[in-house]
Amino acid sequence: MSNYKKLDKNASNLKTQADKLAETGEQSFL
């Protein structure tokens, strides 16, 4: 249970950062 909780949290945070780096267009993060 402890591992799955951490996995859920880390995967969610990873998705957030990945989405930011994947943005395209003039208003994108990069």
PDB file of all heavy atoms in Angstrom:
ATOM      1  N   MET A   1       0.826  -1.205   0.000  1.00  0.00           N
ATOM      2  CA  MET A   1       0.000   0.000   0.000  1.00  0.00           C
ATOM      3  C   MET A   1       0.859   1.254   0.000  1.00  0.00           C
ATOM      4  O   MET A   1       0.606   2.215  -0.746  1.00  0.00           O
ATOM      5  CB  MET A   1      -0.921   0.006   1.220  1.00  0.00           C
ATOM      6  CG  MET A   1      -1.812   1.242   1.328  1.00  0.00           C
ATOM      7  SD  MET A   1      -3.025   1.360  -0.010  1.00  0.00           S
ATOM      8  CE  MET A   1      -4.215   0.123   0.536  1.00  0.00           C
ATOM      9  N   SER A   2       1.904   1.255   0.825  1.00  0.00           N
ATOM     10  CA  SER A   2       2.801   2.406   0.920  1.00  0.00           C
ATOM     11  C   SER A   2       3.491   2.666  -0.417  1.00  0.00           C
ATOM     12  O   SER A   2       3.595   3.815  -0.863  1.00  0.00           O
ATOM     13  CB  SER A   2       3.856   2.156   2.006  1.00  0.00           C
ATOM     14  OG  SER A   2       4.782   3.216   2.059  1.00  0.00           O
ATOM     15  N   ASN A   3       3.938   1.606  -1.073  1.00  0.00           N
ATOM     16  CA  ASN A   3       4.620   1.764  -2.359  1.00  0.00           C
ATOM     17  C   ASN A   3       3.670   2.296  -3.426  1.00  0.00           C
ATOM     18  O   ASN A   3       4.043   3.161  -4.225  1.00  0.00           O
ATOM     19  CB  ASN A   3       5.212   0.433  -2.815  1.00  0.00           C
ATOM     20  CG  ASN A   3       6.097   0.581  -4.048  1.00  0.00           C
ATOM     21  OD1 ASN A   3       7.013   1.383  -4.083  1.00  0.00           O
ATOM     22  ND2 ASN A   3       5.800  -0.196  -5.087  1.00  0.00           N
ATOM     23  N   TYR A   4       2.426   1.789  -3.441  1.00  0.00           N
ATOM     24  CA  TYR A   4       1.455   2.252  -4.421  1.00  0.00           C
ATOM     25  C   TYR A   4       1.073   3.718  -4.199  1.00  0.00           C
ATOM     26  O   TYR A   4       0.861   4.458  -5.162  1.00  0.00           O
ATOM     27  CB  TYR A   4       0.202   1.376  -4.401  1.00  0.00           C
ATOM     28  CG  TYR A   4       0.292   0.180  -5.313  1.00  0.00           C
ATOM     29  CD1 TYR A   4      -0.024  -1.101  -4.862  1.00  0.00           C
ATOM     30  CD2 TYR A   4       0.689   0.322  -6.643  1.00  0.00           C
ATOM     31  CE1 TYR A   4       0.064  -2.198  -5.706  1.00  0.00           C
ATOM     32  CE2 TYR A   4       0.781  -0.763  -7.485  1.00  0.00           C
ATOM     33  CZ  TYR A   4       0.463  -2.025  -7.020  1.00  0.00           C
ATOM     34  OH  TYR A   4       0.556  -3.104  -7.859  1.00  0.00           O
ATOM     35  N   LYS A   5       1.002   4.135  -2.938  1.00  0.00           N
ATOM     36  CA  LYS A   5       0.693   5.539  -2.652  1.00  0.00           C
ATOM     37  C   LYS A   5       1.791   6.451  -3.193  1.00  0.00           C
ATOM     38  O   LYS A   5       1.523   7.482  -3.813  1.00  0.00           O
ATOM     39  CB  LYS A   5       0.524   5.744  -1.141  1.00  0.00           C
ATOM     40  CG  LYS A   5      -0.795   5.235  -0.576  1.00  0.00           C
ATOM     41  CD  LYS A   5      -0.883   5.528   0.915  1.00  0.00           C
ATOM     42  CE  LYS A   5      -2.223   5.060   1.479  1.00  0.00           C
ATOM     43  NZ  LYS A   5      -2.319   5.316   2.943  1.00  0.00           N
ATOM     44  N   LYS A   6       3.031   6.071  -2.927  1.00  0.00           N
ATOM     45  CA  LYS A   6       4.166   6.862  -3.407  1.00  0.00           C
ATOM     46  C   LYS A   6       4.216   6.837  -4.935  1.00  0.00           C
ATOM     47  O   LYS A   6       4.513   7.846  -5.573  1.00  0.00           O
ATOM     48  CB  LYS A   6       5.467   6.306  -2.832  1.00  0.00           C
ATOM     49  CG  LYS A   6       5.625   6.493  -1.340  1.00  0.00           C
ATOM     50  CD  LYS A   6       6.911   5.868  -0.832  1.00  0.00           C
ATOM     51  CE  LYS A   6       7.053   6.022   0.675  1.00  0.00           C
ATOM     52  NZ  LYS A   6       8.289   5.362   1.176  1.00  0.00           N
ATOM     53  N   LEU A   7       3.921   5.677  -5.511  1.00  0.00           N
ATOM     54  CA  LEU A   7       3.950   5.533  -6.961  1.00  0.00           C
ATOM     55  C   LEU A   7       2.904   6.418  -7.620  1.00  0.00           C
ATOM     56  O   LEU A   7       3.179   7.078  -8.632  1.00  0.00           O
ATOM     57  CB  LEU A   7       3.711   4.071  -7.324  1.00  0.00           C
ATOM     58  CG  LEU A   7       4.002   3.620  -8.760  1.00  0.00           C
ATOM     59  CD1 LEU A   7       5.416   4.013  -9.171  1.00  0.00           C
ATOM     60  CD2 LEU A   7       3.813   2.107  -8.859  1.00  0.00           C
ATOM     61  N   ASP A   8       1.724   6.453  -7.041  1.00  0.00           N
ATOM     62  CA  ASP A   8       0.641   7.292  -7.569  1.00  0.00           C
ATOM     63  C   ASP A   8       1.044   8.770  -7.522  1.00  0.00           C
ATOM     64  O   ASP A   8       0.879   9.501  -8.506  1.00  0.00           O
ATOM     65  CB  ASP A   8      -0.625   7.057  -6.743  1.00  0.00           C
ATOM     66  CG  ASP A   8      -1.797   7.918  -7.213  1.00  0.00           C
ATOM     67  OD1 ASP A   8      -1.874   8.226  -8.419  1.00  0.00           O
ATOM     68  OD2 ASP A   8      -2.635   8.272  -6.372  1.00  0.00           O
ATOM     69  N   LYS A   9       1.603   9.190  -6.397  1.00  0.00           N
ATOM     70  CA  LYS A   9       2.000  10.588  -6.228  1.00  0.00           C
ATOM     71  C   LYS A   9       3.127  10.964  -7.187  1.00  0.00           C
ATOM     72  O   LYS A   9       3.068  12.002  -7.864  1.00  0.00           O
ATOM     73  CB  LYS A   9       2.445  10.831  -4.785  1.00  0.00           C
ATOM     74  CG  LYS A   9       2.855  12.269  -4.503  1.00  0.00           C
ATOM     75  CD  LYS A   9       3.249  12.444  -3.039  1.00  0.00           C
ATOM     76  CE  LYS A   9       3.661  13.881  -2.759  1.00  0.00           C
ATOM     77  NZ  LYS A   9       4.054  14.065  -1.331  1.00  0.00           N
ATOM     78  N   ASN A  10       4.158  10.127  -7.261  1.00  0.00           N
ATOM     79  CA  ASN A  10       5.301  10.436  -8.123  1.00  0.00           C
ATOM     80  C   ASN A  10       4.921  10.406  -9.601  1.00  0.00           C
ATOM     81  O   ASN A  10       5.382  11.245 -10.382  1.00  0.00           O
ATOM     82  CB  ASN A  10       6.442   9.449  -7.856  1.00  0.00           C
ATOM     83  CG  ASN A  10       7.148   9.718  -6.545  1.00  0.00           C
ATOM     84  OD1 ASN A  10       7.431  10.861  -6.202  1.00  0.00           O
ATOM     85  ND2 ASN A  10       7.449   8.671  -5.797  1.00  0.00           N
ATOM     86  N   ALA A  11       4.081   9.458  -9.986  1.00  0.00           N
ATOM     87  CA  ALA A  11       3.650   9.366 -11.381  1.00  0.00           C
ATOM     88  C   ALA A  11       2.811  10.585 -11.767  1.00  0.00           C
ATOM     89  O   ALA A  11       2.932  11.114 -12.881  1.00  0.00           O
ATOM     90  CB  ALA A  11       2.866   8.078 -11.613  1.00  0.00           C
ATOM     91  N   SER A  12       1.966  11.031 -10.849  1.00  0.00           N
ATOM     92  CA  SER A  12       1.139  12.219 -11.104  1.00  0.00           C
ATOM     93  C   SER A  12       2.017  13.457 -11.272  1.00  0.00           C
ATOM     94  O   SER A  12       1.789  14.292 -12.158  1.00  0.00           O
ATOM     95  CB  SER A  12       0.151  12.434  -9.956  1.00  0.00           C
ATOM     96  OG  SER A  12      -0.783  11.376  -9.885  1.00  0.00           O
ATOM     97  N   ASN A  13       3.027  13.594 -10.411  1.00  0.00           N
ATOM     98  CA  ASN A  13       3.955  14.722 -10.512  1.00  0.00           C
ATOM     99  C   ASN A  13       4.791  14.641 -11.783  1.00  0.00           C
ATOM    100  O   ASN A  13       5.092  15.662 -12.416  1.00  0.00           O
ATOM    101  CB  ASN A  13       4.872  14.758  -9.291  1.00  0.00           C
ATOM    102  CG  ASN A  13       4.154  15.197  -8.027  1.00  0.00           C
ATOM    103  OD1 ASN A  13       3.183  15.932  -8.090  1.00  0.00           O
ATOM    104  ND2 ASN A  13       4.622  14.736  -6.882  1.00  0.00           N
ATOM    105  N   LEU A  14       5.162  13.429 -12.164  1.00  0.00           N
ATOM    106  CA  LEU A  14       5.924  13.233 -13.399  1.00  0.00           C
ATOM    107  C   LEU A  14       5.090  13.670 -14.603  1.00  0.00           C
ATOM    108  O   LEU A  14       5.601  14.338 -15.513  1.00  0.00           O
ATOM    109  CB  LEU A  14       6.327  11.765 -13.538  1.00  0.00           C
ATOM    110  CG  LEU A  14       7.034  11.374 -14.848  1.00  0.00           C
ATOM    111  CD1 LEU A  14       8.311  12.180 -15.044  1.00  0.00           C
ATOM    112  CD2 LEU A  14       7.337   9.875 -14.848  1.00  0.00           C
ATOM    113  N   LYS A  15       3.831  13.302 -14.602  1.00  0.00           N
ATOM    114  CA  LYS A  15       2.939  13.696 -15.698  1.00  0.00           C
ATOM    115  C   LYS A  15       2.833  15.218 -15.798  1.00  0.00           C
ATOM    116  O   LYS A  15       2.842  15.782 -16.903  1.00  0.00           O
ATOM    117  CB  LYS A  15       1.553  13.084 -15.502  1.00  0.00           C
ATOM    118  CG  LYS A  15       0.531  13.525 -16.550  1.00  0.00           C
ATOM    119  CD  LYS A  15      -0.791  12.815 -16.415  1.00  0.00           C
ATOM    120  CE  LYS A  15      -1.865  13.451 -17.271  1.00  0.00           C
ATOM    121  NZ  LYS A  15      -1.466  13.622 -18.692  1.00  0.00           N
ATOM    122  N   THR A  16       2.743  15.879 -14.650  1.00  0.00           N
ATOM    123  CA  THR A  16       2.637  17.342 -14.633  1.00  0.00           C
ATOM    124  C   THR A  16       3.853  17.987 -15.297  1.00  0.00           C
ATOM    125  O   THR A  16       3.721  18.899 -16.129  1.00  0.00           O
ATOM    126  CB  THR A  16       2.509  17.864 -13.191  1.00  0.00           C
ATOM    127  OG1 THR A  16       1.301  17.363 -12.616  1.00  0.00           O
ATOM    128  CG2 THR A  16       2.478  19.387 -13.161  1.00  0.00           C
ATOM    129  N   GLN A  17       5.046  17.524 -14.930  1.00  0.00           N
ATOM    130  CA  GLN A  17       6.270  18.081 -15.497  1.00  0.00           C
ATOM    131  C   GLN A  17       6.427  17.702 -16.969  1.00  0.00           C
ATOM    132  O   GLN A  17       6.899  18.504 -17.785  1.00  0.00           O
ATOM    133  CB  GLN A  17       7.489  17.613 -14.696  1.00  0.00           C
ATOM    134  CG  GLN A  17       7.483  18.024 -13.235  1.00  0.00           C
ATOM    135  CD  GLN A  17       7.277  19.518 -13.044  1.00  0.00           C
ATOM    136  OE1 GLN A  17       7.864  20.337 -13.760  1.00  0.00           O
ATOM    137  NE2 GLN A  17       6.437  19.891 -12.090  1.00  0.00           N
ATOM    138  N   ALA A  18       6.020  16.490 -17.310  1.00  0.00           N
ATOM    139  CA  ALA A  18       6.107  16.043 -18.702  1.00  0.00           C
ATOM    140  C   ALA A  18       5.182  16.876 -19.589  1.00  0.00           C
ATOM    141  O   ALA A  18       5.554  17.267 -20.702  1.00  0.00           O
ATOM    142  CB  ALA A  18       5.753  14.561 -18.799  1.00  0.00           C
ATOM    143  N   ASP A  19       3.977  17.142 -19.093  1.00  0.00           N
ATOM    144  CA  ASP A  19       3.021  17.955 -19.857  1.00  0.00           C
ATOM    145  C   ASP A  19       3.570  19.353 -20.107  1.00  0.00           C
ATOM    146  O   ASP A  19       3.374  19.932 -21.186  1.00  0.00           O
ATOM    147  CB  ASP A  19       1.691  18.053 -19.106  1.00  0.00           C
ATOM    148  CG  ASP A  19       0.882  16.760 -19.160  1.00  0.00           C
ATOM    149  OD1 ASP A  19       1.153  15.941 -20.059  1.00  0.00           O
ATOM    150  OD2 ASP A  19      -0.007  16.580 -18.315  1.00  0.00           O
ATOM    151  N   LYS A  20       4.274  19.886 -19.109  1.00  0.00           N
ATOM    152  CA  LYS A  20       4.849  21.229 -19.254  1.00  0.00           C
ATOM    153  C   LYS A  20       5.923  21.235 -20.342  1.00  0.00           C
ATOM    154  O   LYS A  20       5.988  22.152 -21.176  1.00  0.00           O
ATOM    155  CB  LYS A  20       5.443  21.680 -17.914  1.00  0.00           C
ATOM    156  CG  LYS A  20       5.948  23.116 -17.922  1.00  0.00           C
ATOM    157  CD  LYS A  20       6.549  23.500 -16.571  1.00  0.00           C
ATOM    158  CE  LYS A  20       5.498  23.550 -15.491  1.00  0.00           C
ATOM    159  NZ  LYS A  20       6.068  24.071 -14.210  1.00  0.00           N
ATOM    160  N   LEU A  21       6.761  20.203 -20.364  1.00  0.00           N
ATOM    161  CA  LEU A  21       7.837  20.127 -21.348  1.00  0.00           C
ATOM    162  C   LEU A  21       7.327  19.754 -22.739  1.00  0.00           C
ATOM    163  O   LEU A  21       8.000  20.011 -23.738  1.00  0.00           O
ATOM    164  CB  LEU A  21       8.884  19.105 -20.894  1.00  0.00           C
ATOM    165  CG  LEU A  21       9.715  19.501 -19.666  1.00  0.00           C
ATOM    166  CD1 LEU A  21      10.516  18.319 -19.156  1.00  0.00           C
ATOM    167  CD2 LEU A  21      10.648  20.662 -20.002  1.00  0.00           C
ATOM    168  N   ALA A  22       6.137  19.146 -22.785  1.00  0.00           N
ATOM    169  CA  ALA A  22       5.577  18.714 -24.066  1.00  0.00           C
ATOM    170  C   ALA A  22       4.769  19.806 -24.756  1.00  0.00           C
ATOM    171  O   ALA A  22       4.383  19.651 -25.922  1.00  0.00           O
ATOM    172  CB  ALA A  22       4.701  17.477 -23.861  1.00  0.00           C
ATOM    173  N   GLU A  23       4.511  20.897 -24.049  1.00  0.00           N
ATOM    174  CA  GLU A  23       3.710  21.979 -24.627  1.00  0.00           C
ATOM    175  C   GLU A  23       4.341  22.535 -25.899  1.00  0.00           C
ATOM    176  O   GLU A  23       5.560  22.611 -26.018  1.00  0.00           O
ATOM    177  CB  GLU A  23       3.578  23.139 -23.612  1.00  0.00           C
ATOM    178  CG  GLU A  23       2.695  22.834 -22.431  1.00  0.00           C
ATOM    179  CD  GLU A  23       2.657  23.993 -21.445  1.00  0.00           C
ATOM    180  OE1 GLU A  23       3.440  24.961 -21.627  1.00  0.00           O
ATOM    181  OE2 GLU A  23       1.860  23.946 -20.510  1.00  0.00           O
ATOM    182  N   THR A  24       3.491  22.898 -26.842  1.00  0.00           N
ATOM    183  CA  THR A  24       3.963  23.518 -28.089  1.00  0.00           C
ATOM    184  C   THR A  24       3.218  24.834 -28.322  1.00  0.00           C
ATOM    185  O   THR A  24       2.206  25.097 -27.679  1.00  0.00           O
ATOM    186  CB  THR A  24       3.724  22.578 -29.288  1.00  0.00           C
ATOM    187  OG1 THR A  24       2.322  22.285 -29.395  1.00  0.00           O
ATOM    188  CG2 THR A  24       4.506  21.283 -29.143  1.00  0.00           C
ATOM    189  N   GLY A  25       3.723  25.638 -29.243  1.00  0.00           N
ATOM    190  CA  GLY A  25       3.065  26.911 -29.541  1.00  0.00           C
ATOM    191  C   GLY A  25       3.759  28.079 -28.877  1.00  0.00           C
ATOM    192  O   GLY A  25       4.633  27.921 -28.020  1.00  0.00           O
ATOM    193  N   GLU A  26       3.350  29.264 -29.257  1.00  0.00           N
ATOM    194  CA  GLU A  26       3.988  30.483 -28.781  1.00  0.00           C
ATOM    195  C   GLU A  26       3.862  30.689 -27.273  1.00  0.00           C
ATOM    196  O   GLU A  26       4.717  31.317 -26.653  1.00  0.00           O
ATOM    197  CB  GLU A  26       3.395  31.692 -29.506  1.00  0.00           C
ATOM    198  CG  GLU A  26       3.691  31.708 -31.007  1.00  0.00           C
ATOM    199  CD  GLU A  26       3.112  32.919 -31.695  1.00  0.00           C
ATOM    200  OE1 GLU A  26       2.450  33.735 -30.997  1.00  0.00           O
ATOM    201  OE2 GLU A  26       3.302  33.079 -32.912  1.00  0.00           O
ATOM    202  N   GLN A  27       2.785  30.185 -26.687  1.00  0.00           N
ATOM    203  CA  GLN A  27       2.563  30.370 -25.259  1.00  0.00           C
ATOM    204  C   GLN A  27       3.046  29.180 -24.419  1.00  0.00           C
ATOM    205  O   GLN A  27       2.758  29.095 -23.233  1.00  0.00           O
ATOM    206  CB  GLN A  27       1.072  30.617 -24.994  1.00  0.00           C
ATOM    207  CG  GLN A  27       0.519  31.866 -25.650  1.00  0.00           C
ATOM    208  CD  GLN A  27       1.263  33.112 -25.193  1.00  0.00           C
ATOM    209  OE1 GLN A  27       1.479  33.324 -23.997  1.00  0.00           O
ATOM    210  NE2 GLN A  27       1.668  33.948 -26.156  1.00  0.00           N
ATOM    211  N   SER A  28       3.762  28.280 -25.060  1.00  0.00           N
ATOM    212  CA  SER A  28       4.239  27.102 -24.336  1.00  0.00           C
ATOM    213  C   SER A  28       5.340  27.479 -23.345  1.00  0.00           C
ATOM    214  O   SER A  28       5.979  28.535 -23.464  1.00  0.00           O
ATOM    215  CB  SER A  28       4.777  26.054 -25.308  1.00  0.00           C
ATOM    216  OG  SER A  28       5.931  26.537 -25.977  1.00  0.00           O
ATOM    217  N   PHE A  29       5.562  26.625 -22.393  1.00  0.00           N
ATOM    218  CA  PHE A  29       6.541  26.854 -21.340  1.00  0.00           C
ATOM    219  C   PHE A  29       7.940  27.145 -21.896  1.00  0.00           C
ATOM    220  O   PHE A  29       8.574  28.147 -21.545  1.00  0.00           O
ATOM    221  CB  PHE A  29       6.581  25.632 -20.407  1.00  0.00           C
ATOM    222  CG  PHE A  29       7.682  25.664 -19.386  1.00  0.00           C
ATOM    223  CD1 PHE A  29       7.631  26.536 -18.311  1.00  0.00           C
ATOM    224  CD2 PHE A  29       8.783  24.823 -19.511  1.00  0.00           C
ATOM    225  CE1 PHE A  29       8.655  26.572 -17.369  1.00  0.00           C
ATOM    226  CE2 PHE A  29       9.800  24.845 -18.576  1.00  0.00           C
ATOM    227  CZ  PHE A  29       9.736  25.725 -17.507  1.00  0.00           C
ATOM    228  N   LEU A  30       8.420  26.289 -22.775  1.00  0.00           N
ATOM    229  CA  LEU A  30       9.777  26.461 -23.307  1.00  0.00           C
ATOM    230  C   LEU A  30       9.897  27.665 -24.232  1.00  0.00           C
ATOM    231  O   LEU A  30      10.952  28.325 -24.271  1.00  0.00           O
ATOM    232  CB  LEU A  30      10.218  25.184 -24.031  1.00  0.00           C
ATOM    233  CG  LEU A  30      10.501  23.973 -23.125  1.00  0.00           C
ATOM    234  CD1 LEU A  30      10.843  22.747 -23.954  1.00  0.00           C
ATOM    235  CD2 LEU A  30      11.634  24.277 -22.139  1.00  0.00           C
TER     236      LEU A  30
END
